[in-house]
Amino acid sequence: MAESVYKVVEVVGSSTESWEKAAKAAVDRTASSIEDLRVAEIVELDMKLEANHVVAYRARVKISFKVHEISS
């Protein structure tokens, strides 16, 4: 069995509705530009506040993807 290599990127998704939708937004947007995503780990959750009210939920997410060998 061949060895595999994975890279991890950290992204932040946001939503005006929930942390779940913020995390999903982070994964969905990353998937539109990076192939072969493997694992998503929520690192931190926070909220953006304005005038003492929550205006956005944010999820910091580490996402791993497989690094493929480049064929020549």
C-alpha atoms as a PDB file:
ATOM      1  CA  MET A   1       0.000   0.000   0.000  1.00  0.00           C
ATOM      2  CA  ALA A   2       1.368   3.418  -0.978  1.00  0.00           C
ATOM      3  CA  GLU A   3       1.788   6.161   1.593  1.00  0.00           C
ATOM      4  CA  SER A   4      -0.504   9.176   1.469  1.00  0.00           C
ATOM      5  CA  VAL A   5       0.152  12.819   2.225  1.00  0.00           C
ATOM      6  CA  TYR A   6      -2.454  15.326   3.365  1.00  0.00           C
ATOM      7  CA  LYS A   7      -2.387  19.097   3.658  1.00  0.00           C
ATOM      8  CA  VAL A   8      -4.411  21.046   6.208  1.00  0.00           C
ATOM      9  CA  VAL A   9      -5.818  24.525   5.627  1.00  0.00           C
ATOM     10  CA  GLU A  10      -7.688  26.667   8.111  1.00  0.00           C
ATOM     11  CA  VAL A  11     -10.701  28.658   6.938  1.00  0.00           C
ATOM     12  CA  VAL A  12     -13.439  30.703   8.611  1.00  0.00           C
ATOM     13  CA  GLY A  13     -17.072  30.418   7.545  1.00  0.00           C
ATOM     14  CA  SER A  14     -19.826  32.760   8.644  1.00  0.00           C
ATOM     15  CA  SER A  15     -23.616  32.713   8.780  1.00  0.00           C
ATOM     16  CA  THR A  16     -26.287  35.010  10.126  1.00  0.00           C
ATOM     17  CA  GLU A  17     -28.268  31.931  11.224  1.00  0.00           C
ATOM     18  CA  SER A  18     -26.091  29.354  13.040  1.00  0.00           C
ATOM     19  CA  TRP A  19     -22.657  27.908  13.721  1.00  0.00           C
ATOM     20  CA  GLU A  20     -23.651  24.783  11.804  1.00  0.00           C
ATOM     21  CA  LYS A  21     -24.356  26.834   8.673  1.00  0.00           C
ATOM     22  CA  ALA A  22     -21.130  28.770   9.197  1.00  0.00           C
ATOM     23  CA  ALA A  23     -19.114  25.523   9.323  1.00  0.00           C
ATOM     24  CA  LYS A  24     -20.933  24.164   6.272  1.00  0.00           C
ATOM     25  CA  ALA A  25     -20.222  27.387   4.373  1.00  0.00           C
ATOM     26  CA  ALA A  26     -16.511  26.996   5.147  1.00  0.00           C
ATOM     27  CA  VAL A  27     -16.472  23.428   3.809  1.00  0.00           C
ATOM     28  CA  ASP A  28     -18.642  24.176   0.772  1.00  0.00           C
ATOM     29  CA  ARG A  29     -16.544  27.145  -0.319  1.00  0.00           C
ATOM     30  CA  THR A  30     -13.292  25.225   0.184  1.00  0.00           C
ATOM     31  CA  ALA A  31     -14.676  22.281  -1.809  1.00  0.00           C
ATOM     32  CA  SER A  32     -15.315  24.615  -4.752  1.00  0.00           C
ATOM     33  CA  SER A  33     -11.576  25.230  -5.132  1.00  0.00           C
ATOM     34  CA  ILE A  34      -9.820  22.206  -3.596  1.00  0.00           C
ATOM     35  CA  GLU A  35     -10.411  18.574  -4.557  1.00  0.00           C
ATOM     36  CA  ASP A  36     -10.458  15.454  -2.420  1.00  0.00           C
ATOM     37  CA  LEU A  37     -11.349  16.940   0.979  1.00  0.00           C
ATOM     38  CA  ARG A  38     -11.047  14.344   3.725  1.00  0.00           C
ATOM     39  CA  VAL A  39     -11.699  15.694   7.232  1.00  0.00           C
ATOM     40  CA  ALA A  40     -13.102  18.923   8.665  1.00  0.00           C
ATOM     41  CA  GLU A  41     -12.401  19.805  12.292  1.00  0.00           C
ATOM     42  CA  ILE A  42     -14.091  22.727  14.007  1.00  0.00           C
ATOM     43  CA  VAL A  43     -11.350  24.568  15.873  1.00  0.00           C
ATOM     44  CA  GLU A  44     -13.216  27.556  17.277  1.00  0.00           C
ATOM     45  CA  LEU A  45     -16.694  29.062  17.331  1.00  0.00           C
ATOM     46  CA  ASP A  46     -17.373  32.748  17.886  1.00  0.00           C
ATOM     47  CA  MET A  47     -19.950  35.432  17.172  1.00  0.00           C
ATOM     48  CA  LYS A  48     -19.721  38.874  15.643  1.00  0.00           C
ATOM     49  CA  LEU A  49     -21.567  41.449  17.751  1.00  0.00           C
ATOM     50  CA  GLU A  50     -22.925  44.867  16.850  1.00  0.00           C
ATOM     51  CA  ALA A  51     -24.847  47.101  19.282  1.00  0.00           C
ATOM     52  CA  ASN A  52     -24.882  44.216  21.794  1.00  0.00           C
ATOM     53  CA  HIS A  53     -26.604  41.848  19.343  1.00  0.00           C
ATOM     54  CA  VAL A  54     -25.340  38.806  17.481  1.00  0.00           C
ATOM     55  CA  VAL A  55     -25.070  39.622  13.774  1.00  0.00           C
ATOM     56  CA  ALA A  56     -23.048  36.610  12.628  1.00  0.00           C
ATOM     57  CA  TYR A  57     -21.897  33.178  13.762  1.00  0.00           C
ATOM     58  CA  ARG A  58     -18.380  32.201  12.746  1.00  0.00           C
ATOM     59  CA  ALA A  59     -16.699  28.806  12.642  1.00  0.00           C
ATOM     60  CA  ARG A  60     -12.961  28.362  12.264  1.00  0.00           C
ATOM     61  CA  VAL A  61     -12.450  25.011  10.535  1.00  0.00           C
ATOM     62  CA  LYS A  62      -9.330  22.973   9.724  1.00  0.00           C
ATOM     63  CA  ILE A  63      -9.874  21.020   6.517  1.00  0.00           C
ATOM     64  CA  SER A  64      -7.560  18.311   5.240  1.00  0.00           C
ATOM     65  CA  PHE A  65      -7.213  17.160   1.663  1.00  0.00           C
ATOM     66  CA  LYS A  66      -5.133  14.558  -0.075  1.00  0.00           C
ATOM     67  CA  VAL A  67      -2.026  15.763  -1.905  1.00  0.00           C
ATOM     68  CA  HIS A  68      -1.820  14.008  -5.248  1.00  0.00           C
ATOM     69  CA  GLU A  69       1.359  13.180  -7.077  1.00  0.00           C
ATOM     70  CA  ILE A  70       1.905  15.290 -10.184  1.00  0.00           C
ATOM     71  CA  SER A  71       2.333  13.197 -13.319  1.00  0.00           C
ATOM     72  CA  SER A  72       4.856  14.351 -15.883  1.00  0.00           C
END
